[in-house]
Amino acid sequence: MANQWYLSRDGQSFGPYSWDEIVSFSKTGHLKPQDQLWNPMNNQWMQADQISGLFPSQVKTPPAPPSPPPVRQNPVQYSHQAPRSSSSHPVHFNINYPPSLSRGLLILRTLFGYFYVMIPHGFILAFYGIAVSFVLFIAWWIVLFTGKYPEGMFRFVEKYFRWYLRVGAYMTFMTDVYPPFNGEE
């Protein structure tokens, strides 16, 4: 975590990047002095030119290169993004506010939601949750001894929580989009 940096430019967050990538961005001009960087050591956003070692003595600013691509963006209902500058927590779950919801679906979910949502999703998520608990136990030991969370295990647990939260959002009438039977974006 201490080696993960996030970049914020024009209201969009990008990352995570390693320190070496951030230094490389500053040398190639992809990082501007006015860009905001998430500083994992101070747990706050800082302007890039205030971080020592990024812009030693900049005589001339190179032409503005294109912005680095975001790690993940989902144009639909759910998004997975890096921390925003107004928050200091690295995990976010965003659901776009629906301008209107279907009244028919509201009644259908209220009366029969447990049959067509909770039984199929809940059954699969229960077994998935058991597998996640084993993976979390093993990952705990790996992190303890190596200091690094295996990416495959991380993605497995991440998919479970994404799926679980989507079912919860659907059942609490926050969206009309039926949750898919996976944890993909």
N, C-alpha and C. Protein backbone atom coordinates (compact mmCIF):
# COMPACT_ATOMS: atom_id res chain seq x y z
N MET A 1 0.83 -1.20 0.00
CA MET A 1 0.00 0.00 0.00
C MET A 1 0.86 1.24 0.00
N ALA A 2 2.02 1.18 0.70
CA ALA A 2 2.86 2.38 0.79
C ALA A 2 3.48 2.72 -0.54
N ASN A 3 3.49 1.77 -1.48
CA ASN A 3 4.09 2.03 -2.77
C ASN A 3 3.04 2.36 -3.83
N GLN A 4 1.79 2.57 -3.45
CA GLN A 4 0.74 2.89 -4.40
C GLN A 4 0.42 4.37 -4.34
N TRP A 5 0.48 5.00 -5.49
CA TRP A 5 0.18 6.43 -5.61
C TRP A 5 -0.98 6.59 -6.58
N TYR A 6 -1.81 7.60 -6.33
CA TYR A 6 -2.93 7.91 -7.21
C TYR A 6 -2.76 9.34 -7.73
N LEU A 7 -3.19 9.55 -8.96
CA LEU A 7 -3.09 10.84 -9.63
C LEU A 7 -4.49 11.37 -9.85
N SER A 8 -4.71 12.65 -9.55
CA SER A 8 -6.00 13.29 -9.77
C SER A 8 -5.79 14.49 -10.68
N ARG A 9 -6.53 14.49 -11.80
CA ARG A 9 -6.43 15.60 -12.76
C ARG A 9 -7.82 15.86 -13.32
N ASP A 10 -8.23 17.10 -13.29
CA ASP A 10 -9.52 17.53 -13.85
C ASP A 10 -10.68 16.72 -13.29
N GLY A 11 -10.65 16.42 -11.99
CA GLY A 11 -11.74 15.71 -11.35
C GLY A 11 -11.76 14.22 -11.56
N GLN A 12 -10.76 13.67 -12.28
CA GLN A 12 -10.69 12.24 -12.49
C GLN A 12 -9.49 11.68 -11.74
N SER A 13 -9.66 10.47 -11.21
CA SER A 13 -8.57 9.81 -10.48
C SER A 13 -8.01 8.68 -11.32
N PHE A 14 -6.70 8.51 -11.28
CA PHE A 14 -6.01 7.47 -12.01
C PHE A 14 -5.09 6.74 -11.06
N GLY A 15 -4.84 5.48 -11.32
CA GLY A 15 -3.89 4.75 -10.50
C GLY A 15 -4.45 3.39 -10.13
N PRO A 16 -3.77 2.63 -9.31
CA PRO A 16 -2.56 3.00 -8.58
C PRO A 16 -1.31 2.89 -9.43
N TYR A 17 -0.29 3.69 -9.08
CA TYR A 17 1.01 3.67 -9.73
C TYR A 17 2.08 3.48 -8.67
N SER A 18 3.19 2.89 -9.09
CA SER A 18 4.33 2.78 -8.18
C SER A 18 5.07 4.12 -8.19
N TRP A 19 5.95 4.30 -7.22
CA TRP A 19 6.75 5.53 -7.14
C TRP A 19 7.59 5.69 -8.40
N ASP A 20 8.16 4.60 -8.91
CA ASP A 20 8.97 4.67 -10.13
C ASP A 20 8.15 5.14 -11.32
N GLU A 21 6.89 4.71 -11.40
CA GLU A 21 6.03 5.17 -12.49
C GLU A 21 5.73 6.66 -12.36
N ILE A 22 5.50 7.12 -11.14
CA ILE A 22 5.23 8.54 -10.91
C ILE A 22 6.44 9.38 -11.33
N VAL A 23 7.64 8.94 -10.96
CA VAL A 23 8.86 9.65 -11.35
C VAL A 23 9.01 9.65 -12.86
N SER A 24 8.70 8.51 -13.48
CA SER A 24 8.78 8.42 -14.94
C SER A 24 7.78 9.38 -15.60
N PHE A 25 6.55 9.50 -15.03
CA PHE A 25 5.56 10.43 -15.56
C PHE A 25 6.06 11.87 -15.46
N SER A 26 6.76 12.19 -14.37
CA SER A 26 7.24 13.56 -14.22
C SER A 26 8.35 13.86 -15.22
N LYS A 27 9.17 12.86 -15.53
CA LYS A 27 10.27 13.07 -16.49
C LYS A 27 9.77 13.18 -17.92
N THR A 28 8.71 12.41 -18.24
CA THR A 28 8.20 12.43 -19.61
C THR A 28 7.16 13.52 -19.84
N GLY A 29 6.73 14.20 -18.78
CA GLY A 29 5.76 15.27 -18.94
C GLY A 29 4.32 14.82 -18.77
N HIS A 30 4.08 13.53 -18.48
CA HIS A 30 2.72 13.06 -18.24
C HIS A 30 2.19 13.55 -16.90
N LEU A 31 3.08 13.94 -16.00
CA LEU A 31 2.69 14.47 -14.70
C LEU A 31 2.98 15.95 -14.70
N LYS A 32 1.96 16.76 -14.43
CA LYS A 32 2.12 18.21 -14.40
C LYS A 32 2.33 18.67 -12.96
N PRO A 33 3.04 19.76 -12.75
CA PRO A 33 3.26 20.24 -11.38
C PRO A 33 1.97 20.56 -10.63
N GLN A 34 0.90 20.93 -11.33
CA GLN A 34 -0.34 21.29 -10.66
C GLN A 34 -1.23 20.07 -10.40
N ASP A 35 -0.86 18.87 -10.88
CA ASP A 35 -1.65 17.67 -10.62
C ASP A 35 -1.59 17.31 -9.13
N GLN A 36 -2.64 16.66 -8.68
CA GLN A 36 -2.70 16.22 -7.29
C GLN A 36 -2.28 14.75 -7.21
N LEU A 37 -1.47 14.42 -6.21
CA LEU A 37 -1.06 13.04 -5.98
C LEU A 37 -1.49 12.61 -4.59
N TRP A 38 -1.98 11.38 -4.50
CA TRP A 38 -2.33 10.80 -3.20
C TRP A 38 -1.05 10.31 -2.56
N ASN A 39 -0.73 10.88 -1.42
CA ASN A 39 0.49 10.53 -0.72
C ASN A 39 0.16 9.47 0.32
N PRO A 40 0.58 8.19 0.10
CA PRO A 40 0.21 7.13 1.02
C PRO A 40 0.87 7.27 2.39
N MET A 41 1.99 7.97 2.47
CA MET A 41 2.67 8.10 3.75
C MET A 41 1.97 9.13 4.65
N ASN A 42 1.53 10.24 4.05
CA ASN A 42 0.83 11.27 4.83
C ASN A 42 -0.67 11.07 4.80
N ASN A 43 -1.14 10.14 3.95
CA ASN A 43 -2.56 9.84 3.83
C ASN A 43 -3.35 11.08 3.44
N GLN A 44 -2.84 11.82 2.44
CA GLN A 44 -3.52 13.03 1.98
C GLN A 44 -3.12 13.32 0.53
N TRP A 45 -3.90 14.18 -0.12
CA TRP A 45 -3.59 14.62 -1.47
C TRP A 45 -2.60 15.78 -1.38
N MET A 46 -1.62 15.80 -2.28
CA MET A 46 -0.64 16.87 -2.33
C MET A 46 -0.43 17.28 -3.77
N GLN A 47 -0.09 18.53 -3.97
CA GLN A 47 0.23 19.00 -5.30
C GLN A 47 1.58 18.40 -5.70
N ALA A 48 1.70 17.97 -6.96
CA ALA A 48 2.87 17.23 -7.40
C ALA A 48 4.17 18.00 -7.22
N ASP A 49 4.15 19.32 -7.43
CA ASP A 49 5.40 20.08 -7.32
C ASP A 49 5.84 20.26 -5.86
N GLN A 50 5.01 19.86 -4.89
CA GLN A 50 5.38 19.95 -3.48
C GLN A 50 6.07 18.68 -2.98
N ILE A 51 6.11 17.66 -3.82
CA ILE A 51 6.73 16.39 -3.43
C ILE A 51 8.17 16.39 -3.95
N SER A 52 9.11 16.23 -3.04
CA SER A 52 10.52 16.32 -3.43
C SER A 52 10.91 15.15 -4.31
N GLY A 53 11.74 15.44 -5.29
CA GLY A 53 12.24 14.42 -6.19
C GLY A 53 11.48 14.28 -7.48
N LEU A 54 10.38 15.01 -7.65
CA LEU A 54 9.59 14.89 -8.88
C LEU A 54 9.96 15.94 -9.92
N PHE A 55 10.10 17.17 -9.52
CA PHE A 55 10.40 18.26 -10.44
C PHE A 55 11.62 19.02 -9.90
N PRO A 56 12.83 18.51 -10.15
CA PRO A 56 14.03 19.14 -9.58
C PRO A 56 14.16 20.61 -9.96
N SER A 57 14.56 20.91 -11.13
CA SER A 57 14.65 22.31 -11.55
C SER A 57 14.06 22.37 -12.95
N GLN A 58 12.82 22.68 -13.00
CA GLN A 58 12.12 22.67 -14.26
C GLN A 58 12.22 24.04 -14.91
N VAL A 59 12.97 24.09 -16.01
CA VAL A 59 13.16 25.34 -16.72
C VAL A 59 12.00 25.57 -17.68
N LYS A 60 11.65 24.54 -18.40
CA LYS A 60 10.65 24.69 -19.44
C LYS A 60 9.61 23.57 -19.31
N THR A 61 8.35 23.91 -19.40
CA THR A 61 7.29 22.92 -19.31
C THR A 61 7.04 22.34 -20.70
N PRO A 62 7.14 21.02 -20.84
CA PRO A 62 6.90 20.42 -22.16
C PRO A 62 5.43 20.54 -22.54
N PRO A 63 5.10 20.36 -23.81
CA PRO A 63 3.69 20.44 -24.21
C PRO A 63 2.87 19.39 -23.48
N ALA A 64 1.61 19.72 -23.28
CA ALA A 64 0.74 18.85 -22.51
C ALA A 64 0.48 17.53 -23.24
N PRO A 65 0.94 16.43 -22.66
CA PRO A 65 0.68 15.12 -23.26
C PRO A 65 -0.73 14.66 -22.90
N PRO A 66 -1.20 13.61 -23.53
CA PRO A 66 -2.53 13.11 -23.17
C PRO A 66 -2.53 12.56 -21.75
N SER A 67 -3.69 12.60 -21.11
CA SER A 67 -3.81 12.10 -19.74
C SER A 67 -3.57 10.60 -19.71
N PRO A 68 -3.00 10.09 -18.61
CA PRO A 68 -2.82 8.64 -18.52
C PRO A 68 -4.18 7.96 -18.44
N PRO A 69 -4.29 6.74 -18.96
CA PRO A 69 -5.59 6.08 -18.94
C PRO A 69 -5.99 5.70 -17.53
N PRO A 70 -7.29 5.76 -17.22
CA PRO A 70 -7.74 5.34 -15.89
C PRO A 70 -7.58 3.83 -15.73
N VAL A 71 -7.43 3.40 -14.49
CA VAL A 71 -7.29 1.98 -14.24
C VAL A 71 -8.57 1.25 -14.63
N ARG A 72 -9.68 1.73 -14.11
CA ARG A 72 -10.97 1.13 -14.43
C ARG A 72 -12.03 2.20 -14.45
N GLN A 73 -12.88 2.12 -15.44
CA GLN A 73 -14.05 2.98 -15.46
C GLN A 73 -15.20 2.17 -15.97
N ASN A 74 -16.33 2.28 -15.34
CA ASN A 74 -17.52 1.56 -15.74
C ASN A 74 -18.62 2.58 -16.01
N PRO A 75 -19.02 2.75 -17.26
CA PRO A 75 -19.99 3.79 -17.57
C PRO A 75 -21.40 3.46 -17.12
N VAL A 76 -21.66 2.27 -16.62
CA VAL A 76 -23.01 1.89 -16.27
C VAL A 76 -23.33 2.40 -14.87
N GLN A 77 -23.90 1.59 -14.01
CA GLN A 77 -24.39 2.01 -12.70
C GLN A 77 -23.30 2.01 -11.63
N TYR A 78 -22.37 1.11 -11.71
CA TYR A 78 -21.43 0.92 -10.63
C TYR A 78 -20.05 1.39 -11.06
N SER A 79 -19.26 1.92 -10.13
CA SER A 79 -17.92 2.34 -10.50
C SER A 79 -16.93 1.96 -9.42
N HIS A 80 -15.73 1.75 -9.86
CA HIS A 80 -14.63 1.40 -8.97
C HIS A 80 -13.52 2.39 -9.26
N GLN A 81 -13.28 3.30 -8.35
CA GLN A 81 -12.33 4.37 -8.63
C GLN A 81 -11.36 4.54 -7.49
N ALA A 82 -10.31 5.25 -7.78
CA ALA A 82 -9.33 5.60 -6.75
C ALA A 82 -9.94 6.63 -5.80
N PRO A 83 -9.31 6.86 -4.66
CA PRO A 83 -9.87 7.81 -3.70
C PRO A 83 -10.04 9.21 -4.28
N ARG A 84 -11.11 9.86 -3.90
CA ARG A 84 -11.35 11.24 -4.28
C ARG A 84 -10.61 12.16 -3.32
N SER A 85 -10.39 13.39 -3.72
CA SER A 85 -9.63 14.32 -2.89
C SER A 85 -10.39 14.73 -1.63
N SER A 86 -11.70 14.51 -1.57
CA SER A 86 -12.45 14.90 -0.39
C SER A 86 -12.46 13.81 0.68
N SER A 87 -11.95 12.64 0.37
CA SER A 87 -11.98 11.54 1.31
C SER A 87 -10.57 11.01 1.54
N SER A 88 -10.38 10.36 2.67
CA SER A 88 -9.06 9.81 2.95
C SER A 88 -9.10 8.30 3.00
N HIS A 89 -10.16 7.67 2.51
CA HIS A 89 -10.25 6.22 2.56
C HIS A 89 -10.06 5.62 1.16
N PRO A 90 -9.29 4.54 1.03
CA PRO A 90 -8.97 4.01 -0.30
C PRO A 90 -10.07 3.18 -0.95
N VAL A 91 -11.14 2.84 -0.25
CA VAL A 91 -12.19 2.01 -0.83
C VAL A 91 -13.45 2.84 -1.02
N HIS A 92 -14.02 2.77 -2.22
CA HIS A 92 -15.24 3.51 -2.52
C HIS A 92 -16.21 2.60 -3.26
N PHE A 93 -17.48 2.78 -2.97
CA PHE A 93 -18.56 2.09 -3.68
C PHE A 93 -19.53 3.16 -4.12
N ASN A 94 -19.57 3.42 -5.40
CA ASN A 94 -20.40 4.50 -5.92
C ASN A 94 -21.56 3.93 -6.72
N ILE A 95 -22.74 4.45 -6.46
CA ILE A 95 -23.91 4.12 -7.26
C ILE A 95 -24.48 5.44 -7.75
N ASN A 96 -24.66 5.55 -9.04
CA ASN A 96 -25.22 6.77 -9.59
C ASN A 96 -26.68 6.91 -9.14
N TYR A 97 -27.06 8.13 -8.80
CA TYR A 97 -28.43 8.39 -8.38
C TYR A 97 -29.37 8.18 -9.57
N PRO A 98 -30.38 7.31 -9.40
CA PRO A 98 -31.30 7.08 -10.52
C PRO A 98 -32.33 8.20 -10.59
N PRO A 99 -32.50 8.83 -11.75
CA PRO A 99 -33.49 9.90 -11.87
C PRO A 99 -34.92 9.40 -11.64
N SER A 100 -35.18 8.14 -12.01
CA SER A 100 -36.50 7.55 -11.76
C SER A 100 -36.32 6.04 -11.65
N LEU A 101 -37.22 5.43 -10.90
CA LEU A 101 -37.23 3.98 -10.73
C LEU A 101 -38.59 3.45 -11.15
N SER A 102 -38.61 2.20 -11.57
CA SER A 102 -39.85 1.58 -12.03
C SER A 102 -40.72 1.20 -10.83
N ARG A 103 -41.96 1.66 -10.84
CA ARG A 103 -42.89 1.32 -9.75
C ARG A 103 -43.27 -0.15 -9.81
N GLY A 104 -43.40 -0.67 -11.03
CA GLY A 104 -43.74 -2.09 -11.19
C GLY A 104 -42.64 -2.98 -10.63
N LEU A 105 -41.40 -2.64 -10.91
CA LEU A 105 -40.29 -3.42 -10.35
C LEU A 105 -40.23 -3.29 -8.84
N LEU A 106 -40.59 -2.14 -8.32
CA LEU A 106 -40.62 -1.95 -6.87
C LEU A 106 -41.58 -2.94 -6.23
N ILE A 107 -42.77 -3.05 -6.78
CA ILE A 107 -43.76 -3.98 -6.24
C ILE A 107 -43.31 -5.42 -6.45
N LEU A 108 -42.76 -5.71 -7.63
CA LEU A 108 -42.27 -7.06 -7.92
C LEU A 108 -41.16 -7.46 -6.95
N ARG A 109 -40.21 -6.57 -6.72
CA ARG A 109 -39.11 -6.86 -5.79
C ARG A 109 -39.62 -7.01 -4.36
N THR A 110 -40.58 -6.18 -3.98
CA THR A 110 -41.11 -6.25 -2.61
C THR A 110 -41.82 -7.58 -2.37
N LEU A 111 -42.63 -8.02 -3.34
CA LEU A 111 -43.41 -9.24 -3.15
C LEU A 111 -42.64 -10.52 -3.48
N PHE A 112 -41.85 -10.48 -4.55
CA PHE A 112 -41.22 -11.70 -5.02
C PHE A 112 -39.70 -11.63 -5.11
N GLY A 113 -39.12 -10.57 -4.61
CA GLY A 113 -37.67 -10.38 -4.73
C GLY A 113 -36.86 -11.50 -4.12
N TYR A 114 -37.34 -12.04 -3.02
CA TYR A 114 -36.59 -13.12 -2.40
C TYR A 114 -36.60 -14.39 -3.25
N PHE A 115 -37.61 -14.56 -4.07
CA PHE A 115 -37.68 -15.74 -4.92
C PHE A 115 -36.79 -15.60 -6.16
N TYR A 116 -36.86 -14.47 -6.82
CA TYR A 116 -36.12 -14.36 -8.08
C TYR A 116 -34.77 -13.66 -7.94
N VAL A 117 -34.46 -13.12 -6.76
CA VAL A 117 -33.15 -12.50 -6.55
C VAL A 117 -32.39 -13.22 -5.44
N MET A 118 -32.99 -13.26 -4.27
CA MET A 118 -32.25 -13.75 -3.11
C MET A 118 -32.00 -15.26 -3.15
N ILE A 119 -32.92 -16.04 -3.68
CA ILE A 119 -32.66 -17.48 -3.71
C ILE A 119 -31.53 -17.81 -4.68
N PRO A 120 -31.59 -17.41 -5.96
CA PRO A 120 -30.47 -17.78 -6.83
C PRO A 120 -29.15 -17.09 -6.46
N HIS A 121 -29.20 -15.79 -6.24
CA HIS A 121 -27.96 -15.08 -5.90
C HIS A 121 -27.47 -15.50 -4.51
N GLY A 122 -28.39 -15.59 -3.56
CA GLY A 122 -28.00 -15.95 -2.19
C GLY A 122 -27.41 -17.34 -2.12
N PHE A 123 -27.95 -18.28 -2.86
CA PHE A 123 -27.43 -19.65 -2.87
C PHE A 123 -25.99 -19.68 -3.38
N ILE A 124 -25.77 -19.03 -4.52
CA ILE A 124 -24.42 -19.00 -5.10
C ILE A 124 -23.48 -18.20 -4.22
N LEU A 125 -23.92 -17.05 -3.73
CA LEU A 125 -23.07 -16.21 -2.88
C LEU A 125 -22.72 -16.89 -1.56
N ALA A 126 -23.59 -17.76 -1.06
CA ALA A 126 -23.28 -18.47 0.18
C ALA A 126 -22.06 -19.38 -0.03
N PHE A 127 -22.05 -20.14 -1.11
CA PHE A 127 -20.90 -21.01 -1.38
C PHE A 127 -19.67 -20.20 -1.76
N TYR A 128 -19.88 -19.14 -2.51
CA TYR A 128 -18.77 -18.24 -2.86
C TYR A 128 -18.19 -17.64 -1.58
N GLY A 129 -19.05 -17.25 -0.63
CA GLY A 129 -18.59 -16.68 0.63
C GLY A 129 -17.77 -17.66 1.45
N ILE A 130 -18.14 -18.94 1.41
CA ILE A 130 -17.34 -19.97 2.11
C ILE A 130 -15.96 -20.05 1.49
N ALA A 131 -15.91 -20.05 0.15
CA ALA A 131 -14.61 -20.08 -0.53
C ALA A 131 -13.80 -18.83 -0.21
N VAL A 132 -14.46 -17.68 -0.15
CA VAL A 132 -13.77 -16.42 0.17
C VAL A 132 -13.19 -16.47 1.57
N SER A 133 -13.91 -17.08 2.52
CA SER A 133 -13.38 -17.15 3.88
C SER A 133 -12.11 -17.98 3.93
N PHE A 134 -12.04 -19.07 3.16
CA PHE A 134 -10.81 -19.87 3.10
C PHE A 134 -9.68 -19.08 2.44
N VAL A 135 -10.01 -18.39 1.35
CA VAL A 135 -9.00 -17.59 0.66
C VAL A 135 -8.48 -16.48 1.56
N LEU A 136 -9.37 -15.84 2.31
CA LEU A 136 -8.94 -14.79 3.23
C LEU A 136 -8.03 -15.33 4.33
N PHE A 137 -8.33 -16.53 4.82
CA PHE A 137 -7.48 -17.14 5.84
C PHE A 137 -6.07 -17.40 5.29
N ILE A 138 -6.01 -17.96 4.09
CA ILE A 138 -4.70 -18.24 3.48
C ILE A 138 -3.99 -16.94 3.15
N ALA A 139 -4.72 -15.96 2.62
CA ALA A 139 -4.11 -14.67 2.26
C ALA A 139 -3.55 -13.97 3.49
N TRP A 140 -4.22 -14.12 4.64
CA TRP A 140 -3.73 -13.51 5.88
C TRP A 140 -2.33 -14.01 6.20
N TRP A 141 -2.13 -15.31 6.07
CA TRP A 141 -0.81 -15.89 6.36
C TRP A 141 0.23 -15.44 5.33
N ILE A 142 -0.19 -15.38 4.08
CA ILE A 142 0.74 -14.94 3.03
C ILE A 142 1.16 -13.50 3.27
N VAL A 143 0.21 -12.63 3.58
CA VAL A 143 0.54 -11.23 3.85
C VAL A 143 1.43 -11.12 5.09
N LEU A 144 1.16 -11.94 6.09
CA LEU A 144 1.96 -11.92 7.31
C LEU A 144 3.43 -12.24 7.02
N PHE A 145 3.67 -13.23 6.17
CA PHE A 145 5.05 -13.66 5.93
C PHE A 145 5.73 -12.95 4.76
N THR A 146 4.96 -12.53 3.76
CA THR A 146 5.60 -11.90 2.59
C THR A 146 5.37 -10.40 2.52
N GLY A 147 4.33 -9.91 3.19
CA GLY A 147 4.00 -8.49 3.14
C GLY A 147 3.30 -8.10 1.86
N LYS A 148 2.84 -9.10 1.08
CA LYS A 148 2.19 -8.80 -0.19
C LYS A 148 0.95 -9.69 -0.34
N TYR A 149 -0.16 -9.07 -0.76
CA TYR A 149 -1.41 -9.80 -0.98
C TYR A 149 -1.35 -10.37 -2.40
N PRO A 150 -1.46 -11.69 -2.59
CA PRO A 150 -1.44 -12.26 -3.94
C PRO A 150 -2.57 -11.70 -4.79
N GLU A 151 -2.24 -11.25 -5.98
CA GLU A 151 -3.23 -10.56 -6.80
C GLU A 151 -4.42 -11.44 -7.17
N GLY A 152 -4.18 -12.71 -7.46
CA GLY A 152 -5.28 -13.61 -7.80
C GLY A 152 -6.27 -13.75 -6.65
N MET A 153 -5.75 -13.87 -5.44
CA MET A 153 -6.63 -13.96 -4.26
C MET A 153 -7.37 -12.65 -4.05
N PHE A 154 -6.68 -11.54 -4.24
CA PHE A 154 -7.30 -10.23 -4.08
C PHE A 154 -8.46 -10.08 -5.05
N ARG A 155 -8.26 -10.43 -6.32
CA ARG A 155 -9.31 -10.30 -7.35
C ARG A 155 -10.49 -11.22 -7.03
N PHE A 156 -10.21 -12.42 -6.50
CA PHE A 156 -11.27 -13.37 -6.14
C PHE A 156 -12.17 -12.76 -5.06
N VAL A 157 -11.57 -12.21 -4.03
CA VAL A 157 -12.34 -11.59 -2.94
C VAL A 157 -13.04 -10.33 -3.43
N GLU A 158 -12.36 -9.55 -4.26
CA GLU A 158 -12.96 -8.32 -4.80
C GLU A 158 -14.23 -8.64 -5.60
N LYS A 159 -14.20 -9.68 -6.42
CA LYS A 159 -15.37 -10.05 -7.21
C LYS A 159 -16.54 -10.45 -6.32
N TYR A 160 -16.23 -11.15 -5.23
CA TYR A 160 -17.29 -11.54 -4.29
C TYR A 160 -17.97 -10.30 -3.71
N PHE A 161 -17.19 -9.35 -3.22
CA PHE A 161 -17.78 -8.16 -2.61
C PHE A 161 -18.52 -7.30 -3.63
N ARG A 162 -18.01 -7.23 -4.86
CA ARG A 162 -18.69 -6.46 -5.90
C ARG A 162 -20.06 -7.07 -6.18
N TRP A 163 -20.09 -8.41 -6.31
CA TRP A 163 -21.35 -9.11 -6.58
C TRP A 163 -22.31 -8.92 -5.40
N TYR A 164 -21.83 -9.12 -4.20
CA TYR A 164 -22.65 -9.00 -2.99
C TYR A 164 -23.26 -7.60 -2.86
N LEU A 165 -22.45 -6.58 -3.12
CA LEU A 165 -22.95 -5.20 -3.01
C LEU A 165 -23.95 -4.86 -4.11
N ARG A 166 -23.78 -5.43 -5.29
CA ARG A 166 -24.75 -5.18 -6.35
C ARG A 166 -26.10 -5.79 -6.03
N VAL A 167 -26.10 -7.00 -5.46
CA VAL A 167 -27.36 -7.62 -5.06
C VAL A 167 -28.02 -6.77 -3.96
N GLY A 168 -27.21 -6.30 -3.01
CA GLY A 168 -27.75 -5.46 -1.94
C GLY A 168 -28.32 -4.16 -2.47
N ALA A 169 -27.65 -3.54 -3.43
CA ALA A 169 -28.14 -2.29 -4.00
C ALA A 169 -29.46 -2.51 -4.75
N TYR A 170 -29.55 -3.64 -5.44
CA TYR A 170 -30.79 -3.94 -6.17
C TYR A 170 -31.95 -4.19 -5.20
N MET A 171 -31.69 -4.93 -4.14
CA MET A 171 -32.74 -5.28 -3.20
C MET A 171 -33.15 -4.11 -2.30
N THR A 172 -32.31 -3.10 -2.19
CA THR A 172 -32.68 -1.92 -1.39
C THR A 172 -33.16 -0.78 -2.27
N PHE A 173 -33.57 -1.10 -3.49
CA PHE A 173 -34.22 -0.17 -4.42
C PHE A 173 -33.33 1.00 -4.82
N MET A 174 -32.03 0.80 -4.83
CA MET A 174 -31.12 1.87 -5.24
C MET A 174 -30.89 1.86 -6.75
N THR A 175 -31.27 0.78 -7.41
CA THR A 175 -31.12 0.67 -8.86
C THR A 175 -32.15 -0.31 -9.39
N ASP A 176 -32.49 -0.16 -10.66
CA ASP A 176 -33.39 -1.10 -11.33
C ASP A 176 -32.63 -2.11 -12.17
N VAL A 177 -31.32 -2.03 -12.19
CA VAL A 177 -30.50 -2.94 -12.99
C VAL A 177 -30.33 -4.24 -12.22
N TYR A 178 -30.87 -5.33 -12.79
CA TYR A 178 -30.75 -6.64 -12.14
C TYR A 178 -29.27 -7.04 -12.06
N PRO A 179 -28.80 -7.47 -10.89
CA PRO A 179 -27.38 -7.76 -10.75
C PRO A 179 -26.96 -8.99 -11.55
N PRO A 180 -25.82 -8.90 -12.24
CA PRO A 180 -25.35 -10.06 -13.00
C PRO A 180 -24.85 -11.15 -12.05
N PHE A 181 -24.77 -12.37 -12.56
CA PHE A 181 -24.30 -13.49 -11.75
C PHE A 181 -22.78 -13.61 -11.83
N ASN A 182 -22.10 -12.50 -11.57
CA ASN A 182 -20.64 -12.52 -11.52
C ASN A 182 -20.18 -11.27 -10.79
N GLY A 183 -18.90 -11.21 -10.54
CA GLY A 183 -18.33 -10.04 -9.87
C GLY A 183 -17.53 -9.18 -10.80
N GLU A 184 -17.74 -9.37 -12.09
CA GLU A 184 -16.99 -8.56 -13.07
C GLU A 184 -17.51 -7.13 -13.06
N GLU A 185 -16.74 -6.25 -13.66
CA GLU A 185 -17.15 -4.84 -13.70
C GLU A 185 -18.25 -4.62 -14.70
